[in-house]
Protein backbone atom coordinates (compact mmCIF):
# COMPACT_ATOMS: atom_id res chain seq x y z
CA UNK A 1 25.60 -43.45 40.67
CA UNK A 2 24.46 -39.95 39.70
CA UNK A 3 24.85 -37.59 36.77
CA UNK A 4 27.06 -34.50 36.93
CA UNK A 5 25.36 -31.25 35.97
CA UNK A 6 26.76 -29.49 32.86
CA UNK A 7 28.26 -26.59 34.84
CA UNK A 8 29.93 -28.98 37.31
CA UNK A 9 31.22 -31.13 34.46
CA UNK A 10 33.00 -28.10 32.98
CA UNK A 11 35.37 -28.09 35.97
CA UNK A 12 36.34 -31.71 35.27
CA UNK A 13 36.60 -31.33 31.49
CA UNK A 14 38.74 -28.20 31.78
CA UNK A 15 41.23 -29.61 34.28
CA UNK A 16 44.87 -30.29 33.38
CA UNK A 17 48.26 -30.19 35.09
CA UNK A 18 48.49 -26.45 34.40
CA UNK A 19 44.87 -25.87 35.38
CA UNK A 20 43.89 -27.52 38.68
CA UNK A 21 40.16 -27.04 39.24
CA UNK A 22 39.89 -27.17 43.01
CA UNK A 23 39.01 -24.44 45.48
CA UNK A 24 40.53 -24.22 48.93
CA UNK A 25 40.56 -22.43 52.22
CA UNK A 26 43.23 -21.59 54.80
CA UNK A 27 42.03 -21.33 58.40
CA UNK A 28 44.12 -20.02 61.29
CA UNK A 29 43.25 -20.89 64.89
CA UNK A 30 44.46 -19.61 68.26
CA UNK A 31 44.71 -22.76 70.44
CA UNK A 32 42.79 -22.85 73.74
CA UNK A 33 44.64 -21.93 76.92
CA UNK A 34 44.91 -25.58 77.99
CA UNK A 35 46.49 -26.74 74.71
CA UNK A 36 49.71 -28.73 75.06
CA UNK A 37 52.77 -28.92 72.81
CA UNK A 38 51.20 -31.77 70.80
CA UNK A 39 48.00 -29.84 70.09
CA UNK A 40 48.23 -30.13 66.29
CA UNK A 41 48.67 -33.90 66.47
CA UNK A 42 45.70 -34.12 68.84
CA UNK A 43 43.58 -32.20 66.33
CA UNK A 44 44.76 -34.53 63.57
CA UNK A 45 43.97 -37.64 65.62
CA UNK A 46 40.53 -36.29 66.48
CA UNK A 47 39.78 -35.76 62.80
CA UNK A 48 40.78 -39.21 61.58
CA UNK A 49 38.77 -40.77 64.40
CA UNK A 50 35.60 -39.61 62.60
CA UNK A 51 35.49 -42.23 59.80
CA UNK A 52 31.78 -41.78 59.12
CA UNK A 53 31.20 -39.32 56.32
CA UNK A 54 28.41 -37.93 54.20
CA UNK A 55 27.99 -38.97 50.58
CA UNK A 56 29.57 -35.75 49.31
CA UNK A 57 32.92 -36.71 50.84
CA UNK A 58 32.80 -40.20 49.33
CA UNK A 59 31.99 -39.00 45.80
CA UNK A 60 34.41 -39.39 42.90
CA UNK A 61 34.13 -39.34 39.08
CA UNK A 62 32.97 -42.63 37.52
CA UNK A 63 33.34 -44.10 34.04
CA UNK A 64 30.09 -45.91 33.25
CA UNK A 65 30.50 -45.38 29.51
CA UNK A 66 34.18 -46.15 29.18
CA UNK A 67 35.76 -42.89 28.08
CA UNK A 68 32.96 -40.59 29.26
CA UNK A 69 34.20 -40.22 32.81
CA UNK A 70 33.03 -36.66 33.28
CA UNK A 71 29.28 -37.19 33.15
CA UNK A 72 28.66 -39.24 36.28
CA UNK A 73 29.85 -39.90 39.82
CA UNK A 74 29.95 -42.85 42.16
CA UNK A 75 29.89 -42.90 45.97
CA UNK A 76 32.54 -45.10 47.61
CA UNK A 77 31.49 -47.18 50.60
CA UNK A 78 34.75 -46.49 52.45
CA UNK A 79 37.53 -43.94 52.10
CA UNK A 80 41.14 -43.83 53.26
CA UNK A 81 41.24 -41.07 55.86
CA UNK A 82 45.01 -41.47 56.28
CA UNK A 83 45.25 -40.28 52.68
CA UNK A 84 42.68 -37.48 52.78
CA UNK A 85 43.64 -36.04 56.20
CA UNK A 86 47.32 -35.13 56.64
CA UNK A 87 49.59 -33.59 59.27
CA UNK A 88 52.38 -31.25 58.14
CA UNK A 89 54.98 -29.11 59.93
CA UNK A 90 56.55 -25.83 58.82
CA UNK A 91 60.34 -25.37 58.84
CA UNK A 92 61.66 -23.19 61.66
CA UNK A 93 61.13 -20.42 62.53
CA UNK A 94 57.65 -20.91 61.06
CA UNK A 95 56.89 -17.49 59.63
CA UNK A 96 53.64 -16.68 57.83
CA UNK A 97 55.55 -16.57 54.54
CA UNK A 98 56.57 -20.20 55.12
CA UNK A 99 52.91 -21.14 55.56
CA UNK A 100 51.87 -19.27 52.41
CA UNK A 101 54.67 -20.96 50.45
CA UNK A 102 53.45 -24.37 51.61
CA UNK A 103 49.84 -23.56 50.70
CA UNK A 104 51.01 -22.29 47.30
CA UNK A 105 52.72 -25.61 46.64
CA UNK A 106 49.78 -27.69 47.88
CA UNK A 107 47.29 -25.71 45.84
CA UNK A 108 49.25 -26.27 42.64
CA UNK A 109 48.94 -30.08 42.78
CA UNK A 110 46.01 -32.01 41.30
CA UNK A 111 43.50 -34.02 43.32
CA UNK A 112 43.50 -37.76 42.61
CA UNK A 113 40.41 -38.61 40.53
CA UNK A 114 40.58 -42.23 41.65
CA UNK A 115 39.59 -41.01 45.13
CA UNK A 116 36.96 -38.62 46.49
CA UNK A 117 38.04 -35.15 45.43
CA UNK A 118 39.15 -33.47 48.67
CA UNK A 119 42.10 -33.12 51.08
CA UNK A 120 42.40 -31.74 54.62
CA UNK A 121 45.84 -30.61 55.89
CA UNK A 122 46.57 -29.84 59.56
CA UNK A 123 49.70 -27.65 59.72
CA UNK A 124 51.80 -26.95 62.83
CA UNK A 125 54.95 -24.97 63.46
CA UNK A 126 53.87 -21.31 63.21
CA UNK A 127 56.15 -19.25 65.45
CA UNK A 128 53.20 -17.42 67.03
CA UNK A 129 51.67 -20.73 68.16
CA UNK A 130 48.63 -20.65 65.90
CA UNK A 131 47.36 -23.76 64.15
CA UNK A 132 46.67 -23.75 60.40
CA UNK A 133 44.28 -25.95 58.43
CA UNK A 134 44.33 -25.96 54.63
CA UNK A 135 41.42 -27.64 52.85
CA UNK A 136 40.93 -28.20 49.14
CA UNK A 137 37.95 -29.68 47.32
CA UNK A 138 37.19 -29.97 43.61
CA UNK A 139 35.00 -27.22 42.16
CA UNK A 140 32.88 -29.94 40.53
CA UNK A 141 31.69 -30.86 44.04
CA UNK A 142 31.38 -27.47 45.73
CA UNK A 143 31.17 -23.81 44.73
CA UNK A 144 32.75 -21.18 46.95
CA UNK A 145 29.64 -20.60 49.09
CA UNK A 146 29.16 -24.33 49.65
CA UNK A 147 32.85 -24.78 50.48
CA UNK A 148 32.63 -22.03 53.09
CA UNK A 149 29.57 -23.68 54.63
CA UNK A 150 31.51 -26.93 54.78
CA UNK A 151 34.32 -25.29 56.74
CA UNK A 152 31.83 -23.59 59.05
CA UNK A 153 30.24 -26.92 59.98
CA UNK A 154 33.28 -27.82 62.06
CA UNK A 155 33.00 -24.65 64.16
CA UNK A 156 30.91 -23.57 67.14
CA UNK A 157 30.07 -20.13 68.62
CA UNK A 158 30.73 -21.63 72.08
CA UNK A 159 34.36 -21.59 73.20
CA UNK A 160 33.58 -24.31 75.75
CA UNK A 161 32.08 -26.68 73.19
CA UNK A 162 34.55 -29.55 72.87
CA UNK A 163 32.29 -31.88 70.87
CA UNK A 164 32.62 -30.21 67.46
CA UNK A 165 32.53 -32.75 64.64
CA UNK A 166 34.68 -32.99 61.52
CA UNK A 167 33.17 -31.22 58.46
CA UNK A 168 32.57 -34.57 56.76
CA UNK A 169 30.70 -36.09 59.73
CA UNK A 170 27.00 -36.94 59.16
CA UNK A 171 24.60 -34.22 60.22
CA UNK A 172 23.23 -34.54 63.74
CA UNK A 173 19.69 -33.72 62.61
CA UNK A 174 18.01 -35.61 59.84
CA UNK A 175 17.45 -33.79 56.59
CA UNK A 176 15.78 -34.86 53.39
CA UNK A 177 18.61 -35.97 51.09
CA UNK A 178 18.79 -34.06 47.84
CA UNK A 179 19.20 -36.95 45.39
CA UNK A 180 16.52 -39.37 46.69
CA UNK A 181 13.98 -36.54 46.67
CA UNK A 182 14.41 -36.29 42.91
CA UNK A 183 13.38 -39.93 42.53
CA UNK A 184 9.75 -38.99 43.16
CA UNK A 185 8.12 -39.05 39.68
CA UNK A 186 5.92 -36.07 40.52
CA UNK A 187 8.95 -34.07 41.62
CA UNK A 188 10.75 -35.02 38.42
CA UNK A 189 7.78 -33.86 36.35
CA UNK A 190 7.54 -30.55 38.24
CA UNK A 191 11.28 -29.93 38.03
CA UNK A 192 11.36 -30.81 34.34
CA UNK A 193 8.41 -28.54 33.55
CA UNK A 194 10.04 -25.66 35.40
CA UNK A 195 13.32 -26.15 33.54
CA UNK A 196 11.49 -26.26 30.20
CA UNK A 197 9.76 -22.95 31.00
CA UNK A 198 13.08 -21.39 31.96
CA UNK A 199 14.79 -22.73 28.84
CA UNK A 200 11.96 -21.46 26.65
CA UNK A 201 12.45 -18.03 28.20
CA UNK A 202 16.18 -17.90 27.48
CA UNK A 203 15.81 -16.58 23.93
CA UNK A 204 13.50 -13.62 24.74
CA UNK A 205 15.54 -12.87 27.85
CA UNK A 206 18.71 -12.81 25.73
CA UNK A 207 17.10 -10.41 23.25
CA UNK A 208 16.03 -8.12 26.11
CA UNK A 209 19.54 -8.13 27.59
CA UNK A 210 21.12 -7.41 24.20
CA UNK A 211 18.76 -4.49 23.56
CA UNK A 212 19.47 -3.09 27.01
CA UNK A 213 23.23 -3.30 26.40
CA UNK A 214 22.84 -1.48 23.07
CA UNK A 215 20.71 1.28 24.61
CA UNK A 216 23.02 1.85 27.56
CA UNK A 217 26.59 2.36 26.44
CA UNK A 218 27.83 2.03 30.04
CA UNK A 219 26.70 -1.60 30.36
CA UNK A 220 29.77 -3.84 30.34
CA UNK A 221 29.58 -6.39 27.53
CA UNK A 222 31.67 -9.54 26.98
CA UNK A 223 34.90 -9.19 24.99
CA UNK A 224 35.19 -5.54 26.07
CA UNK A 225 38.09 -5.88 28.53
CA UNK A 226 41.59 -4.66 27.57
CA UNK A 227 44.56 -7.00 27.33
CA UNK A 228 46.78 -6.98 30.44
CA UNK A 229 49.63 -8.98 31.96
CA UNK A 230 46.99 -10.98 33.84
CA UNK A 231 45.36 -12.23 30.63
CA UNK A 232 48.02 -14.64 29.43
CA UNK A 233 48.61 -18.39 29.40
CA UNK A 234 49.69 -19.83 32.75
CA UNK A 235 51.78 -22.66 34.17
CA UNK A 236 50.95 -25.06 36.98
CA UNK A 237 52.87 -23.33 39.82
CA UNK A 238 50.93 -21.02 42.14
CA UNK A 239 51.64 -18.14 44.50
CA UNK A 240 49.27 -17.41 47.39
CA UNK A 241 49.06 -14.26 49.52
CA UNK A 242 46.64 -13.44 52.33
CA UNK A 243 45.81 -10.61 54.71
CA UNK A 244 42.91 -9.34 56.85
CA UNK A 245 41.34 -5.88 57.07
CA UNK A 246 38.88 -4.50 59.61
CA UNK A 247 35.34 -4.32 58.24
CA UNK A 248 34.83 -1.07 60.16
CA UNK A 249 37.36 0.71 57.95
CA UNK A 250 35.53 -0.23 54.75
CA UNK A 251 32.11 0.44 56.31
CA UNK A 252 33.21 3.99 57.14
CA UNK A 253 33.97 4.61 53.46
CA UNK A 254 30.69 2.94 52.49
CA UNK A 255 28.64 5.19 54.79
CA UNK A 256 30.50 8.33 53.71
CA UNK A 257 29.82 7.67 50.02
CA UNK A 258 26.45 5.91 50.16
CA UNK A 259 27.89 2.90 48.36
CA UNK A 260 27.64 -0.81 49.10
CA UNK A 261 30.34 -2.50 51.15
CA UNK A 262 31.18 -4.75 48.21
CA UNK A 263 31.58 -1.67 45.99
CA UNK A 264 34.22 -0.41 48.43
CA UNK A 265 35.93 -3.81 48.28
CA UNK A 266 36.02 -3.56 44.48
CA UNK A 267 37.35 0.01 44.68
CA UNK A 268 40.05 -1.15 47.08
CA UNK A 269 41.03 -3.87 44.59
CA UNK A 270 40.83 -1.40 41.69
CA UNK A 271 43.35 0.95 43.28
CA UNK A 272 45.69 -1.94 44.10
CA UNK A 273 45.54 -3.38 40.58
CA UNK A 274 46.09 0.06 39.07
CA UNK A 275 49.24 0.63 41.15
CA UNK A 276 50.56 -2.89 40.49
CA UNK A 277 50.15 -2.46 36.73
CA UNK A 278 51.79 0.98 36.84
CA UNK A 279 54.79 -0.62 38.59
CA UNK A 280 55.05 -3.12 35.75
CA UNK A 281 54.43 -0.54 32.99
CA UNK A 282 51.27 -2.40 32.07
CA UNK A 283 48.31 -0.13 32.88
CA UNK A 284 45.99 0.01 29.83
CA UNK A 285 44.12 3.15 28.80
CA UNK A 286 40.78 1.33 29.08
CA UNK A 287 39.42 0.32 32.51
CA UNK A 288 39.93 -3.22 33.75
CA UNK A 289 36.80 -5.37 33.89
CA UNK A 290 36.13 -7.65 36.86
CA UNK A 291 33.89 -10.70 36.89
CA UNK A 292 31.93 -10.54 40.16
CA UNK A 293 30.10 -13.74 41.19
CA UNK A 294 26.60 -13.37 42.62
CA UNK A 295 25.18 -16.26 44.64
CA UNK A 296 21.74 -17.47 43.54
CA UNK A 297 21.22 -19.54 46.67
CA UNK A 298 18.25 -18.39 48.71
CA UNK A 299 18.51 -17.74 52.44
CA UNK A 300 18.28 -21.04 54.29
CA UNK A 301 19.36 -23.11 51.27
CA UNK A 302 21.51 -25.83 52.85
CA UNK A 303 21.72 -28.20 49.91
CA UNK A 304 25.16 -29.71 49.53
CA UNK A 305 27.29 -29.59 46.42
CA UNK A 306 26.90 -28.04 43.03
CA UNK A 307 27.24 -24.50 41.77
CA UNK A 308 24.48 -21.87 42.03
CA UNK A 309 26.07 -18.62 40.88
CA UNK A 310 25.84 -16.00 38.17
CA UNK A 311 28.34 -13.37 37.06
CA UNK A 312 28.19 -9.58 36.73
CA UNK A 313 30.85 -7.80 34.68
CA UNK A 314 32.02 -4.66 36.49
CA UNK A 315 33.97 -1.65 35.22
CA UNK A 316 36.77 -1.15 37.78
CA UNK A 317 37.59 2.39 36.64
CA UNK A 318 41.35 1.75 36.71
CA UNK A 319 41.78 4.46 34.06
CA UNK A 320 40.73 7.04 36.67
CA UNK A 321 43.32 8.56 38.99
CA UNK A 322 40.93 9.70 41.74
CA UNK A 323 39.88 6.92 44.19
CA UNK A 324 36.39 8.35 44.69
CA UNK A 325 35.85 8.59 40.93
CA UNK A 326 36.78 4.90 40.70
CA UNK A 327 34.29 4.04 43.45
CA UNK A 328 31.52 6.00 41.68
CA UNK A 329 32.23 4.18 38.41
CA UNK A 330 32.17 0.81 40.20
CA UNK A 331 28.89 1.53 41.99
CA UNK A 332 27.24 2.62 38.75
CA UNK A 333 28.52 -0.45 36.91
CA UNK A 334 27.40 -2.91 39.61
CA UNK A 335 23.93 -1.31 39.77
CA UNK A 336 23.61 -1.65 36.00
CA UNK A 337 24.66 -5.29 36.17
CA UNK A 338 22.11 -6.08 38.87
CA UNK A 339 19.39 -4.27 36.92
CA UNK A 340 20.25 -6.35 33.87
CA UNK A 341 19.67 -9.56 35.85
CA UNK A 342 16.41 -8.34 37.37
CA UNK A 343 13.49 -10.57 36.46
CA UNK A 344 15.56 -13.56 35.37
CA UNK A 345 14.88 -17.00 36.81
CA UNK A 346 17.83 -18.73 38.56
CA UNK A 347 18.42 -20.91 35.49
CA UNK A 348 18.32 -17.90 33.18
CA UNK A 349 20.62 -15.98 35.52
CA UNK A 350 23.11 -18.87 35.46
CA UNK A 351 22.93 -18.94 31.66
CA UNK A 352 23.55 -15.17 31.63
CA UNK A 353 26.54 -15.68 33.91
CA UNK A 354 27.84 -18.51 31.72
CA UNK A 355 27.71 -16.17 28.71
CA UNK A 356 29.66 -13.53 30.63
CA UNK A 357 32.23 -16.20 31.51
CA UNK A 358 32.43 -17.55 27.96
CA UNK A 359 35.99 -16.37 27.43
CA UNK A 360 37.15 -18.75 30.18
CA UNK A 361 36.30 -21.69 27.94
CA UNK A 362 37.58 -19.95 24.81
CA UNK A 363 40.85 -18.98 26.49
CA UNK A 364 41.70 -22.66 26.96
CA UNK A 365 41.95 -22.98 23.15
CA UNK A 366 45.68 -22.75 22.28
CA UNK A 367 46.58 -19.29 21.00
CA UNK A 368 43.21 -17.70 21.81
CA UNK A 369 44.61 -15.29 24.41
CA UNK A 370 47.01 -13.93 21.78
CA UNK A 371 44.34 -12.85 19.29
CA UNK A 372 41.13 -11.98 21.16
CA UNK A 373 40.04 -9.65 23.93
CA UNK A 374 38.93 -11.30 27.17
CA UNK A 375 35.44 -10.90 28.62
CA UNK A 376 37.06 -9.68 31.82
CA UNK A 377 40.52 -9.26 33.32
CA UNK A 378 40.13 -10.66 36.83
CA UNK A 379 37.61 -12.46 38.99
CA UNK A 380 36.89 -10.77 42.35
CA UNK A 381 34.59 -12.68 44.68
CA UNK A 382 33.25 -11.72 48.12
CA UNK A 383 31.81 -14.71 50.00
CA UNK A 384 29.74 -13.88 53.13
CA UNK A 385 31.14 -15.57 56.23
CA UNK A 386 30.41 -15.78 59.97
CA UNK A 387 29.48 -12.60 61.84
CA UNK A 388 30.39 -13.96 65.28
CA UNK A 389 33.52 -15.46 66.82
CA UNK A 390 33.74 -19.18 66.09
CA UNK A 391 35.73 -21.98 67.70
CA UNK A 392 36.98 -25.44 66.85
CA UNK A 393 36.90 -27.41 70.11
CA UNK A 394 38.02 -24.31 72.01
CA UNK A 395 40.44 -22.94 69.40
CA UNK A 396 39.37 -19.48 68.17
CA UNK A 397 39.12 -18.91 64.42
CA UNK A 398 41.62 -16.13 63.64
CA UNK A 399 41.66 -16.20 59.84
CA UNK A 400 39.60 -17.65 56.98
CA UNK A 401 41.34 -17.10 53.65
CA UNK A 402 39.84 -18.42 50.39
CA UNK A 403 42.22 -20.06 47.90
CA UNK A 404 40.62 -20.04 44.46
CA UNK A 405 41.36 -20.93 40.81
CA UNK A 406 43.38 -19.31 38.00
CA UNK A 407 43.25 -20.28 34.31
CA UNK A 408 44.79 -19.50 30.94
CA UNK A 409 43.87 -15.90 30.25
CA UNK A 410 43.11 -15.21 33.92
CA UNK A 411 46.33 -15.48 35.89
CA UNK A 412 45.11 -13.68 39.03
CA UNK A 413 42.11 -14.22 41.32
CA UNK A 414 41.05 -12.24 44.40
CA UNK A 415 38.56 -13.87 46.77
CA UNK A 416 37.63 -12.69 50.24
CA UNK A 417 35.27 -13.65 53.01
CA UNK A 418 33.85 -11.80 56.00
CA UNK A 419 34.65 -13.01 59.52
CA UNK A 420 33.54 -11.47 62.82
CA UNK A 421 34.48 -7.88 61.99
CA UNK A 422 37.20 -8.66 59.45
CA UNK A 423 37.52 -9.20 55.73
CA UNK A 424 40.01 -11.97 54.94
CA UNK A 425 41.55 -11.61 51.46
CA UNK A 426 43.06 -14.56 49.61
CA UNK A 427 45.02 -13.79 46.42
CA UNK A 428 46.05 -16.63 44.13
CA UNK A 429 48.12 -16.16 40.99
CA UNK A 430 50.27 -17.97 38.47
CA UNK A 431 53.78 -17.93 39.91
CA UNK A 432 55.35 -16.94 36.59
CA UNK A 433 52.73 -14.61 35.11
CA UNK A 434 52.13 -12.51 38.26
CA UNK A 435 55.56 -11.71 39.77
CA UNK A 436 55.84 -10.43 43.34
CA UNK A 437 52.19 -11.19 44.05
CA UNK A 438 52.61 -10.20 47.71
CA UNK A 439 53.10 -6.57 46.58
CA UNK A 440 49.37 -6.47 45.92
CA UNK A 441 48.76 -6.73 49.68
CA UNK A 442 50.68 -3.48 50.20
CA UNK A 443 48.76 -1.86 47.36
CA UNK A 444 45.43 -3.00 48.84
CA UNK A 445 46.29 -1.23 52.10
CA UNK A 446 47.45 1.89 50.25
CA UNK A 447 44.25 1.88 48.19
CA UNK A 448 42.07 1.69 51.30
CA UNK A 449 44.03 4.50 52.96
CA UNK A 450 43.50 6.66 49.85
CA UNK A 451 39.74 6.02 50.01
CA UNK A 452 39.70 6.84 53.73
CA UNK A 453 41.53 10.13 53.20
CA UNK A 454 39.35 11.11 50.25
CA UNK A 455 36.09 10.49 52.14
CA UNK A 456 37.07 11.64 55.64
């Protein structure tokens, strides 16, 4: 039995029927040339024939202190794979919109806390012959980067490799387990001393950040975002939309303007959000503010589970009509945010991010969204993915779309990941608060075209 970290516990404490706290991913695969008509069932059978699983996939909330079920976990000895791994079929003709509707419905339902907090759905019936796999796992177990790594574990760069394991299968090579390592008293002492130093530095670091924000009027501060149609209370139903764009198109804009690729992504989103709000007569005079997660995991960090992220607040420049002006404003804002975090320890950076995200917790208080400004309007996250073509037992990965979380006060989320020359966007929104969500896909394309024309 192990303790849940405070940041992971937040995702359990804040969960309700209207606020599921799991993240997900939709993968599309082109079956190998030798695949038969029962290929999806074969994939399903292959998955459930891997009953061995790592501790992470056998972990569920425990109640060692009666009512305090959110502070610890237990690891089950066995799990019911027939429950966790499921085979579904789309209605004919099996259009992409049918798949997105199914994923929307699946993503709106809660995970069972009496079981390990994950599900794996194999979906057949797409008219183009592709296979879909939708996975969801509780955010208390995995952050977005960790979830992506989990999905990547089932893939191989070799199209002829037919011995790819399920993502929950034990690792082939031995690694030092994270939890037992902490049982070494010397390690505990070192870790505790480091945390105490970081905690002691939080106060002076906070003073420095506050002074910097006061000196520089362009630094985005919490509670500065305008009220929009996205910053309202939500229901439990979800709407999911997904589309891919060539990385080369965004890189051309990046090179022409000297900006980062992620800045171009944010500018693309900015233009789309601006047009969507104009359509709904809801564009505020002040610029929208995006919360942009920044991973604190170091290169080579393969630890499983937990959340290691901070948050930068970015001015999206939606009050500006010119697409290049919006990109310039975004680049300046992101650079300022990164400079603000410079010199912070990982723990201090996470505390800084938690402060920037404070309105998420406050917005769950009934009536809060009606009387106070949010810290930000939307969360936009770019998770690095594979740079090469990947395969699942010969089936080529043809799409990797993140499916994230929305909350009261934050009815829309945009998350994307890179994949072998493409950027795969996943948009999740409250079905009632964000009508016609799929229109944002058209606006994203129009926004990118506008950037291309302006920088050609």
